[in-house]
PDB file of all heavy atoms in Angstrom:
ATOM      1  N   ASP A   1       0.853  -1.316   0.003  1.00  0.00           N
ATOM      2  CA  ASP A   1       0.038   0.021  -0.004  1.00  0.00           C
ATOM      3  C   ASP A   1       0.816   1.298   0.018  1.00  0.00           C
ATOM      4  O   ASP A   1       0.371   2.309  -0.527  1.00  0.00           O
ATOM      5  CB  ASP A   1      -0.978  -0.004   1.258  1.00  0.00           C
ATOM      6  CG  ASP A   1      -2.003  -1.162   1.105  1.00  0.00           C
ATOM      7  OD1 ASP A   1      -2.323  -1.586   0.080  1.00  0.00           O
ATOM      8  OD2 ASP A   1      -2.516  -1.492   2.192  1.00  0.00           O
ATOM      9  N   ARG A   2       2.036   1.219   0.572  1.00  0.00           N
ATOM     10  CA  ARG A   2       2.793   2.470   0.729  1.00  0.00           C
ATOM     11  C   ARG A   2       4.000   2.678  -0.060  1.00  0.00           C
ATOM     12  O   ARG A   2       4.476   3.670  -0.277  1.00  0.00           O
ATOM     13  CB  ARG A   2       3.193   2.617   2.210  1.00  0.00           C
ATOM     14  CG  ARG A   2       1.960   2.701   3.163  1.00  0.00           C
ATOM     15  CD  ARG A   2       2.317   2.770   4.623  1.00  0.00           C
ATOM     16  NE  ARG A   2       3.706   2.915   4.834  1.00  0.00           N
ATOM     17  CZ  ARG A   2       4.245   3.553   5.993  1.00  0.00           C
ATOM     18  NH1 ARG A   2       3.445   3.998   6.858  1.00  0.00           N
ATOM     19  NH2 ARG A   2       5.521   3.674   6.151  1.00  0.00           N
ATOM     20  N   SER A   3       4.571   1.531  -0.623  1.00  0.00           N
ATOM     21  CA  SER A   3       5.858   1.626  -1.237  1.00  0.00           C
ATOM     22  C   SER A   3       5.657   1.898  -2.856  1.00  0.00           C
ATOM     23  O   SER A   3       4.812   1.233  -3.383  1.00  0.00           O
ATOM     24  CB  SER A   3       6.724   0.438  -1.054  1.00  0.00           C
ATOM     25  OG  SER A   3       7.844   0.503  -1.748  1.00  0.00           O
ATOM     26  N   LYS A   4       6.524   2.706  -3.349  1.00  0.00           N
ATOM     27  CA  LYS A   4       6.457   2.871  -4.822  1.00  0.00           C
ATOM     28  C   LYS A   4       7.251   1.766  -5.467  1.00  0.00           C
ATOM     29  O   LYS A   4       7.117   1.532  -6.679  1.00  0.00           O
ATOM     30  CB  LYS A   4       7.034   4.243  -5.150  1.00  0.00           C
ATOM     31  CG  LYS A   4       6.276   5.441  -4.670  1.00  0.00           C
ATOM     32  CD  LYS A   4       6.884   6.740  -5.044  1.00  0.00           C
ATOM     33  CE  LYS A   4       6.110   7.861  -4.537  1.00  0.00           C
ATOM     34  NZ  LYS A   4       6.738   9.226  -4.806  1.00  0.00           N
ATOM     35  N   ILE A   5       8.081   1.040  -4.724  1.00  0.00           N
ATOM     36  CA  ILE A   5       8.850   0.009  -5.270  1.00  0.00           C
ATOM     37  C   ILE A   5       8.086  -1.264  -5.281  1.00  0.00           C
ATOM     38  O   ILE A   5       7.473  -1.671  -4.264  1.00  0.00           O
ATOM     39  CB  ILE A   5      10.103  -0.232  -4.523  1.00  0.00           C
ATOM     40  CG1 ILE A   5      10.888   1.000  -4.492  1.00  0.00           C
ATOM     41  CG2 ILE A   5      10.918  -1.503  -4.988  1.00  0.00           C
ATOM     42  CD1 ILE A   5      12.116   1.046  -3.489  1.00  0.00           C
ATOM     43  N   LYS A   6       7.862  -1.981  -6.467  1.00  0.00           N
ATOM     44  CA  LYS A   6       6.936  -3.115  -6.586  1.00  0.00           C
ATOM     45  C   LYS A   6       7.753  -4.486  -6.440  1.00  0.00           C
ATOM     46  O   LYS A   6       7.080  -5.479  -6.461  1.00  0.00           O
ATOM     47  CB  LYS A   6       6.187  -2.994  -7.904  1.00  0.00           C
ATOM     48  CG  LYS A   6       5.357  -1.780  -8.005  1.00  0.00           C
ATOM     49  CD  LYS A   6       4.396  -1.639  -6.926  1.00  0.00           C
ATOM     50  CE  LYS A   6       3.602  -0.350  -6.839  1.00  0.00           C
ATOM     51  NZ  LYS A   6       3.029  -0.028  -5.574  1.00  0.00           N
ATOM     52  N   MET A   7       9.034  -4.309  -6.273  1.00  0.00           N
ATOM     53  CA  MET A   7       9.811  -5.651  -6.030  1.00  0.00           C
ATOM     54  C   MET A   7       9.834  -5.770  -4.515  1.00  0.00           C
ATOM     55  O   MET A   7      10.095  -4.805  -3.741  1.00  0.00           O
ATOM     56  CB  MET A   7      11.170  -5.522  -6.630  1.00  0.00           C
ATOM     57  CG  MET A   7      12.027  -6.742  -6.283  1.00  0.00           C
ATOM     58  SD  MET A   7      13.771  -6.492  -6.732  1.00  0.00           S
ATOM     59  CE  MET A   7      14.332  -5.497  -5.410  1.00  0.00           C
ATOM     60  N   LEU A   8       9.629  -6.925  -4.060  1.00  0.00           N
ATOM     61  CA  LEU A   8       9.726  -7.195  -2.586  1.00  0.00           C
ATOM     62  C   LEU A   8      11.074  -7.919  -2.222  1.00  0.00           C
ATOM     63  O   LEU A   8      11.313  -8.957  -2.762  1.00  0.00           O
ATOM     64  CB  LEU A   8       8.622  -8.225  -2.183  1.00  0.00           C
ATOM     65  CG  LEU A   8       8.509  -8.685  -0.667  1.00  0.00           C
ATOM     66  CD1 LEU A   8       8.320  -7.438   0.240  1.00  0.00           C
ATOM     67  CD2 LEU A   8       7.432  -9.731  -0.537  1.00  0.00           C
ATOM     68  N   ARG A   9      11.768  -7.219  -1.372  1.00  0.00           N
ATOM     69  CA  ARG A   9      13.057  -7.717  -0.922  1.00  0.00           C
ATOM     70  C   ARG A   9      12.873  -8.342   0.396  1.00  0.00           C
ATOM     71  O   ARG A   9      12.585  -7.563   1.416  1.00  0.00           O
ATOM     72  CB  ARG A   9      14.119  -6.662  -0.866  1.00  0.00           C
ATOM     73  CG  ARG A   9      15.498  -7.078  -0.292  1.00  0.00           C
ATOM     74  CD  ARG A   9      16.199  -8.094  -1.290  1.00  0.00           C
ATOM     75  NE  ARG A   9      17.525  -8.273  -0.892  1.00  0.00           N
ATOM     76  CZ  ARG A   9      18.026  -9.371  -0.641  1.00  0.00           C
ATOM     77  NH1 ARG A   9      17.331 -10.475  -0.594  1.00  0.00           N
ATOM     78  NH2 ARG A   9      19.412  -9.459  -0.354  1.00  0.00           N
ATOM     79  N   ILE A  10      13.059  -9.636   0.542  1.00  0.00           N
ATOM     80  CA  ILE A  10      12.807 -10.322   1.936  1.00  0.00           C
ATOM     81  C   ILE A  10      14.188 -10.288   2.511  1.00  0.00           C
ATOM     82  O   ILE A  10      15.111 -11.031   2.068  1.00  0.00           O
ATOM     83  CB  ILE A  10      12.244 -11.729   1.742  1.00  0.00           C
ATOM     84  CG1 ILE A  10      10.779 -11.528   1.070  1.00  0.00           C
ATOM     85  CG2 ILE A  10      12.106 -12.342   3.123  1.00  0.00           C
ATOM     86  CD1 ILE A  10      10.094 -12.902   0.787  1.00  0.00           C
ATOM     87  N   ALA A  11      14.357  -9.597   3.639  1.00  0.00           N
ATOM     88  CA  ALA A  11      15.675  -9.479   4.293  1.00  0.00           C
ATOM     89  C   ALA A  11      15.918 -10.661   5.153  1.00  0.00           C
ATOM     90  O   ALA A  11      15.732 -10.692   6.416  1.00  0.00           O
ATOM     91  CB  ALA A  11      15.733  -8.272   5.118  1.00  0.00           C
ATOM     92  N   ASN A  12      16.145 -11.781   4.531  1.00  0.00           N
ATOM     93  CA  ASN A  12      16.318 -13.142   5.266  1.00  0.00           C
ATOM     94  C   ASN A  12      17.366 -13.891   4.490  1.00  0.00           C
ATOM     95  O   ASN A  12      17.222 -14.126   3.279  1.00  0.00           O
ATOM     96  CB  ASN A  12      14.879 -13.789   5.086  1.00  0.00           C
ATOM     97  CG  ASN A  12      14.874 -15.122   5.755  1.00  0.00           C
ATOM     98  OD1 ASN A  12      15.928 -15.635   6.005  1.00  0.00           O
ATOM     99  ND2 ASN A  12      13.722 -15.531   6.152  1.00  0.00           N
ATOM    100  N   SER A  13      18.318 -14.330   5.275  1.00  0.00           N
ATOM    101  CA  SER A  13      19.435 -15.034   4.588  1.00  0.00           C
ATOM    102  C   SER A  13      19.100 -16.540   4.320  1.00  0.00           C
ATOM    103  O   SER A  13      19.882 -17.229   3.658  1.00  0.00           O
ATOM    104  CB  SER A  13      20.657 -14.947   5.435  1.00  0.00           C
ATOM    105  OG  SER A  13      21.079 -13.623   5.525  1.00  0.00           O
ATOM    106  N   ASN A  14      18.050 -17.038   4.857  1.00  0.00           N
ATOM    107  CA  ASN A  14      17.749 -18.449   4.795  1.00  0.00           C
ATOM    108  C   ASN A  14      16.293 -18.663   4.687  1.00  0.00           C
ATOM    109  O   ASN A  14      15.638 -19.499   5.408  1.00  0.00           O
ATOM    110  CB  ASN A  14      18.298 -19.120   6.042  1.00  0.00           C
ATOM    111  CG  ASN A  14      19.811 -19.158   6.169  1.00  0.00           C
ATOM    112  OD1 ASN A  14      20.435 -19.917   5.454  1.00  0.00           O
ATOM    113  ND2 ASN A  14      20.270 -18.276   7.043  1.00  0.00           N
ATOM    114  N   PHE A  15      15.620 -18.167   3.599  1.00  0.00           N
ATOM    115  CA  PHE A  15      14.232 -18.378   3.434  1.00  0.00           C
ATOM    116  C   PHE A  15      13.955 -19.817   3.066  1.00  0.00           C
ATOM    117  O   PHE A  15      14.468 -20.378   2.243  1.00  0.00           O
ATOM    118  CB  PHE A  15      13.744 -17.378   2.360  1.00  0.00           C
ATOM    119  CG  PHE A  15      12.267 -17.197   2.370  1.00  0.00           C
ATOM    120  CD1 PHE A  15      11.606 -16.728   3.411  1.00  0.00           C
ATOM    121  CD2 PHE A  15      11.490 -17.469   1.122  1.00  0.00           C
ATOM    122  CE1 PHE A  15      10.216 -16.510   3.400  1.00  0.00           C
ATOM    123  CE2 PHE A  15      10.148 -17.178   1.055  1.00  0.00           C
ATOM    124  CZ  PHE A  15       9.495 -16.664   2.305  1.00  0.00           C
ATOM    125  N   GLY A  16      13.086 -20.373   3.827  1.00  0.00           N
ATOM    126  CA  GLY A  16      12.740 -21.781   3.703  1.00  0.00           C
ATOM    127  C   GLY A  16      13.306 -22.609   4.905  1.00  0.00           C
ATOM    128  O   GLY A  16      12.939 -23.729   5.045  1.00  0.00           O
ATOM    129  N   LEU A  17      14.110 -22.060   5.759  1.00  0.00           N
ATOM    130  CA  LEU A  17      14.626 -22.647   6.923  1.00  0.00           C
ATOM    131  C   LEU A  17      13.544 -23.055   7.974  1.00  0.00           C
ATOM    132  O   LEU A  17      13.459 -24.071   8.537  1.00  0.00           O
ATOM    133  CB  LEU A  17      15.695 -21.801   7.581  1.00  0.00           C
ATOM    134  CG  LEU A  17      16.501 -22.503   8.664  1.00  0.00           C
ATOM    135  CD1 LEU A  17      17.322 -23.547   8.163  1.00  0.00           C
ATOM    136  CD2 LEU A  17      17.407 -21.388   9.399  1.00  0.00           C
ATOM    137  N   LEU A  18      12.559 -22.112   8.073  1.00  0.00           N
ATOM    138  CA  LEU A  18      11.525 -22.238   9.018  1.00  0.00           C
ATOM    139  C   LEU A  18      10.074 -22.738   8.293  1.00  0.00           C
ATOM    140  O   LEU A  18       9.906 -22.406   7.140  1.00  0.00           O
ATOM    141  CB  LEU A  18      11.128 -20.970   9.732  1.00  0.00           C
ATOM    142  CG  LEU A  18      12.363 -20.286  10.498  1.00  0.00           C
ATOM    143  CD1 LEU A  18      11.919 -18.990  11.064  1.00  0.00           C
ATOM    144  CD2 LEU A  18      12.822 -21.207  11.574  1.00  0.00           C
ATOM    145  N   LYS A  19       9.356 -23.567   9.016  1.00  0.00           N
ATOM    146  CA  LYS A  19       8.146 -24.133   8.463  1.00  0.00           C
ATOM    147  C   LYS A  19       7.235 -23.033   7.913  1.00  0.00           C
ATOM    148  O   LYS A  19       6.517 -23.133   6.936  1.00  0.00           O
ATOM    149  CB  LYS A  19       7.380 -25.056   9.317  1.00  0.00           C
ATOM    150  CG  LYS A  19       8.191 -26.269   9.682  1.00  0.00           C
ATOM    151  CD  LYS A  19       7.483 -27.135  10.670  1.00  0.00           C
ATOM    152  CE  LYS A  19       8.237 -28.329  11.020  1.00  0.00           C
ATOM    153  NZ  LYS A  19       7.630 -29.251  12.051  1.00  0.00           N
ATOM    154  N   GLN A  20       7.145 -21.909   8.663  1.00  0.00           N
ATOM    155  CA  GLN A  20       6.233 -20.810   8.285  1.00  0.00           C
ATOM    156  C   GLN A  20       6.514 -20.167   7.032  1.00  0.00           C
ATOM    157  O   GLN A  20       5.692 -19.512   6.495  1.00  0.00           O
ATOM    158  CB  GLN A  20       6.148 -19.809   9.441  1.00  0.00           C
ATOM    159  CG  GLN A  20       7.379 -18.944   9.567  1.00  0.00           C
ATOM    160  CD  GLN A  20       7.255 -17.874  10.691  1.00  0.00           C
ATOM    161  OE1 GLN A  20       6.661 -18.206  11.694  1.00  0.00           O
ATOM    162  NE2 GLN A  20       7.773 -16.727  10.421  1.00  0.00           N
ATOM    163  N   ASP A  21       7.778 -20.268   6.514  1.00  0.00           N
ATOM    164  CA  ASP A  21       8.214 -19.640   5.298  1.00  0.00           C
ATOM    165  C   ASP A  21       7.286 -20.202   4.078  1.00  0.00           C
ATOM    166  O   ASP A  21       7.066 -19.405   3.163  1.00  0.00           O
ATOM    167  CB  ASP A  21       9.626 -19.900   5.010  1.00  0.00           C
ATOM    168  CG  ASP A  21      10.588 -19.169   6.043  1.00  0.00           C
ATOM    169  OD1 ASP A  21      10.029 -18.282   6.722  1.00  0.00           O
ATOM    170  OD2 ASP A  21      11.730 -19.520   6.085  1.00  0.00           O
ATOM    171  N   VAL A  22       6.983 -21.356   4.137  1.00  0.00           N
ATOM    172  CA  VAL A  22       6.052 -21.971   3.075  1.00  0.00           C
ATOM    173  C   VAL A  22       4.728 -21.166   2.971  1.00  0.00           C
ATOM    174  O   VAL A  22       4.251 -20.829   1.959  1.00  0.00           O
ATOM    175  CB  VAL A  22       5.951 -23.472   3.110  1.00  0.00           C
ATOM    176  CG1 VAL A  22       4.929 -23.965   2.008  1.00  0.00           C
ATOM    177  CG2 VAL A  22       7.274 -24.169   3.019  1.00  0.00           C
ATOM    178  N   GLU A  23       4.179 -20.993   4.193  1.00  0.00           N
ATOM    179  CA  GLU A  23       2.913 -20.281   4.236  1.00  0.00           C
ATOM    180  C   GLU A  23       3.077 -18.719   3.822  1.00  0.00           C
ATOM    181  O   GLU A  23       2.185 -18.361   3.081  1.00  0.00           O
ATOM    182  CB  GLU A  23       2.273 -20.290   5.605  1.00  0.00           C
ATOM    183  CG  GLU A  23       0.883 -19.781   5.717  1.00  0.00           C
ATOM    184  CD  GLU A  23       0.224 -19.926   7.083  1.00  0.00           C
ATOM    185  OE1 GLU A  23       0.639 -20.870   7.850  1.00  0.00           O
ATOM    186  OE2 GLU A  23      -0.680 -19.188   7.339  1.00  0.00           O
ATOM    187  N   ILE A  24       4.133 -18.285   4.112  1.00  0.00           N
ATOM    188  CA  ILE A  24       4.383 -16.808   3.715  1.00  0.00           C
ATOM    189  C   ILE A  24       4.518 -16.775   2.197  1.00  0.00           C
ATOM    190  O   ILE A  24       3.991 -15.896   1.572  1.00  0.00           O
ATOM    191  CB  ILE A  24       5.737 -16.308   4.368  1.00  0.00           C
ATOM    192  CG1 ILE A  24       5.426 -16.134   5.845  1.00  0.00           C
ATOM    193  CG2 ILE A  24       6.085 -14.984   3.774  1.00  0.00           C
ATOM    194  CD1 ILE A  24       6.730 -15.991   6.745  1.00  0.00           C
ATOM    195  N   ALA A  25       5.205 -17.814   1.606  1.00  0.00           N
ATOM    196  CA  ALA A  25       5.352 -17.851   0.090  1.00  0.00           C
ATOM    197  C   ALA A  25       3.980 -17.995  -0.534  1.00  0.00           C
ATOM    198  O   ALA A  25       3.637 -17.354  -1.526  1.00  0.00           O
ATOM    199  CB  ALA A  25       6.237 -19.017  -0.268  1.00  0.00           C
ATOM    200  N   LYS A  26       3.107 -18.780   0.052  1.00  0.00           N
ATOM    201  CA  LYS A  26       1.799 -19.009  -0.492  1.00  0.00           C
ATOM    202  C   LYS A  26       0.937 -17.663  -0.475  1.00  0.00           C
ATOM    203  O   LYS A  26       0.330 -17.353  -1.406  1.00  0.00           O
ATOM    204  CB  LYS A  26       0.970 -20.036   0.226  1.00  0.00           C
ATOM    205  CG  LYS A  26       1.441 -21.434  -0.016  1.00  0.00           C
ATOM    206  CD  LYS A  26       0.671 -22.509   0.792  1.00  0.00           C
ATOM    207  CE  LYS A  26       1.220 -23.872   0.546  1.00  0.00           C
ATOM    208  NZ  LYS A  26       0.605 -24.929   1.384  1.00  0.00           N
ATOM    209  N   PHE A  27       1.161 -16.922   0.688  1.00  0.00           N
ATOM    210  CA  PHE A  27       0.535 -15.662   0.726  1.00  0.00           C
ATOM    211  C   PHE A  27       0.999 -14.655  -0.253  1.00  0.00           C
ATOM    212  O   PHE A  27       0.189 -14.024  -0.950  1.00  0.00           O
ATOM    213  CB  PHE A  27       0.809 -15.130   2.216  1.00  0.00           C
ATOM    214  CG  PHE A  27       0.265 -13.662   2.350  1.00  0.00           C
ATOM    215  CD1 PHE A  27      -1.106 -13.434   2.551  1.00  0.00           C
ATOM    216  CD2 PHE A  27       1.155 -12.673   2.343  1.00  0.00           C
ATOM    217  CE1 PHE A  27      -1.470 -12.082   2.742  1.00  0.00           C
ATOM    218  CE2 PHE A  27       0.711 -11.296   2.490  1.00  0.00           C
ATOM    219  CZ  PHE A  27      -0.690 -11.096   2.642  1.00  0.00           C
ATOM    220  N   ILE A  28       2.297 -14.609  -0.576  1.00  0.00           N
ATOM    221  CA  ILE A  28       2.906 -13.735  -1.491  1.00  0.00           C
ATOM    222  C   ILE A  28       2.328 -14.139  -2.880  1.00  0.00           C
ATOM    223  O   ILE A  28       1.926 -13.197  -3.699  1.00  0.00           O
ATOM    224  CB  ILE A  28       4.350 -13.788  -1.465  1.00  0.00           C
ATOM    225  CG1 ILE A  28       4.924 -13.194  -0.150  1.00  0.00           C
ATOM    226  CG2 ILE A  28       5.006 -13.044  -2.684  1.00  0.00           C
ATOM    227  CD1 ILE A  28       6.458 -13.454   0.063  1.00  0.00           C
ATOM    228  N   LYS A  29       2.297 -15.305  -3.212  1.00  0.00           N
ATOM    229  CA  LYS A  29       1.755 -15.830  -4.452  1.00  0.00           C
ATOM    230  C   LYS A  29       0.390 -15.391  -4.740  1.00  0.00           C
ATOM    231  O   LYS A  29      -0.054 -14.942  -5.762  1.00  0.00           O
ATOM    232  CB  LYS A  29       2.005 -17.357  -4.599  1.00  0.00           C
ATOM    233  CG  LYS A  29       1.341 -18.012  -5.862  1.00  0.00           C
ATOM    234  CD  LYS A  29       2.040 -17.620  -7.100  1.00  0.00           C
ATOM    235  CE  LYS A  29       1.550 -18.479  -8.170  1.00  0.00           C
ATOM    236  NZ  LYS A  29       2.022 -17.921  -9.453  1.00  0.00           N
ATOM    237  N   GLU A  30      -0.447 -15.719  -3.630  1.00  0.00           N
ATOM    238  CA  GLU A  30      -1.891 -15.298  -3.736  1.00  0.00           C
ATOM    239  C   GLU A  30      -2.136 -13.771  -3.914  1.00  0.00           C
ATOM    240  O   GLU A  30      -2.995 -13.297  -4.692  1.00  0.00           O
ATOM    241  CB  GLU A  30      -2.681 -15.852  -2.569  1.00  0.00           C
ATOM    242  CG  GLU A  30      -2.780 -17.345  -2.572  1.00  0.00           C
ATOM    243  CD  GLU A  30      -3.249 -17.843  -1.252  1.00  0.00           C
ATOM    244  OE1 GLU A  30      -3.551 -17.111  -0.302  1.00  0.00           O
ATOM    245  OE2 GLU A  30      -3.392 -19.158  -1.142  1.00  0.00           O
ATOM    246  N   LEU A  31      -1.313 -13.053  -3.192  1.00  0.00           N
ATOM    247  CA  LEU A  31      -1.361 -11.567  -3.237  1.00  0.00           C
ATOM    248  C   LEU A  31      -1.022 -11.104  -4.603  1.00  0.00           C
ATOM    249  O   LEU A  31      -1.684 -10.263  -5.241  1.00  0.00           O
ATOM    250  CB  LEU A  31      -0.424 -10.966  -2.184  1.00  0.00           C
ATOM    251  CG  LEU A  31      -0.433  -9.456  -2.103  1.00  0.00           C
ATOM    252  CD1 LEU A  31      -1.756  -8.799  -1.713  1.00  0.00           C
ATOM    253  CD2 LEU A  31       0.713  -8.991  -1.142  1.00  0.00           C
ATOM    254  N   ARG A  32       0.067 -11.718  -5.197  1.00  0.00           N
ATOM    255  CA  ARG A  32       0.502 -11.220  -6.582  1.00  0.00           C
ATOM    256  C   ARG A  32      -0.594 -11.663  -7.621  1.00  0.00           C
ATOM    257  O   ARG A  32      -0.876 -10.799  -8.478  1.00  0.00           O
ATOM    258  CB  ARG A  32       1.820 -11.939  -6.966  1.00  0.00           C
ATOM    259  CG  ARG A  32       2.702 -11.230  -7.888  1.00  0.00           C
ATOM    260  CD  ARG A  32       2.579 -11.588  -9.337  1.00  0.00           C
ATOM    261  NE  ARG A  32       2.640 -12.985  -9.677  1.00  0.00           N
ATOM    262  CZ  ARG A  32       3.777 -13.429 -10.310  1.00  0.00           C
ATOM    263  NH1 ARG A  32       4.672 -12.744 -10.718  1.00  0.00           N
ATOM    264  NH2 ARG A  32       3.767 -14.733 -10.619  1.00  0.00           N
ATOM    265  N   ASP A  33      -1.154 -12.830  -7.505  1.00  0.00           N
ATOM    266  CA  ASP A  33      -2.256 -13.172  -8.434  1.00  0.00           C
ATOM    267  C   ASP A  33      -3.386 -12.254  -8.344  1.00  0.00           C
ATOM    268  O   ASP A  33      -4.060 -11.967  -9.425  1.00  0.00           O
ATOM    269  CB  ASP A  33      -2.603 -14.650  -8.107  1.00  0.00           C
ATOM    270  CG  ASP A  33      -1.635 -15.649  -8.538  1.00  0.00           C
ATOM    271  OD1 ASP A  33      -0.581 -15.293  -9.211  1.00  0.00           O
ATOM    272  OD2 ASP A  33      -1.674 -16.758  -8.104  1.00  0.00           O
ATOM    273  N   LYS A  34      -3.763 -11.723  -7.107  1.00  0.00           N
ATOM    274  CA  LYS A  34      -4.890 -10.913  -6.954  1.00  0.00           C
ATOM    275  C   LYS A  34      -4.713  -9.448  -7.319  1.00  0.00           C
ATOM    276  O   LYS A  34      -5.462  -8.736  -7.922  1.00  0.00           O
ATOM    277  CB  LYS A  34      -5.422 -10.949  -5.537  1.00  0.00           C
ATOM    278  CG  LYS A  34      -6.184 -12.196  -5.226  1.00  0.00           C
ATOM    279  CD  LYS A  34      -6.909 -12.106  -3.895  1.00  0.00           C
ATOM    280  CE  LYS A  34      -6.059 -12.704  -2.784  1.00  0.00           C
ATOM    281  NZ  LYS A  34      -6.700 -12.758  -1.450  1.00  0.00           N
ATOM    282  N   SER A  35      -3.421  -8.955  -6.907  1.00  0.00           N
ATOM    283  CA  SER A  35      -3.228  -7.541  -6.957  1.00  0.00           C
ATOM    284  C   SER A  35      -2.057  -7.097  -7.895  1.00  0.00           C
ATOM    285  O   SER A  35      -1.906  -5.951  -8.256  1.00  0.00           O
ATOM    286  CB  SER A  35      -2.881  -6.996  -5.536  1.00  0.00           C
ATOM    287  OG  SER A  35      -1.616  -7.445  -5.174  1.00  0.00           O
ATOM    288  N   GLY A  36      -1.170  -7.989  -8.293  1.00  0.00           N
ATOM    289  CA  GLY A  36      -0.105  -7.719  -9.068  1.00  0.00           C
ATOM    290  C   GLY A  36       1.222  -7.296  -8.287  1.00  0.00           C
ATOM    291  O   GLY A  36       2.214  -7.075  -8.737  1.00  0.00           O
ATOM    292  N   TYR A  37       1.043  -7.258  -6.912  1.00  0.00           N
ATOM    293  CA  TYR A  37       2.098  -6.964  -6.044  1.00  0.00           C
ATOM    294  C   TYR A  37       2.557  -8.235  -5.330  1.00  0.00           C
ATOM    295  O   TYR A  37       1.656  -8.926  -4.819  1.00  0.00           O
ATOM    296  CB  TYR A  37       1.780  -5.855  -5.017  1.00  0.00           C
ATOM    297  CG  TYR A  37       2.932  -5.600  -4.041  1.00  0.00           C
ATOM    298  CD1 TYR A  37       3.925  -4.618  -4.376  1.00  0.00           C
ATOM    299  CD2 TYR A  37       2.983  -6.287  -2.861  1.00  0.00           C
ATOM    300  CE1 TYR A  37       4.947  -4.468  -3.520  1.00  0.00           C
ATOM    301  CE2 TYR A  37       4.114  -6.077  -2.010  1.00  0.00           C
ATOM    302  CZ  TYR A  37       5.089  -5.152  -2.383  1.00  0.00           C
ATOM    303  OH  TYR A  37       6.119  -4.908  -1.437  1.00  0.00           O
TER     304      TYR A  37
END
């Protein structure tokens, strides 16, 4: 809603290390499919 930059930089050196990362990825995918972001 607030950023002019449409690329998302996840400041995480080990994305996928934690189980919750898969749910976060699903959320990002669904958000992109709905909104383009």
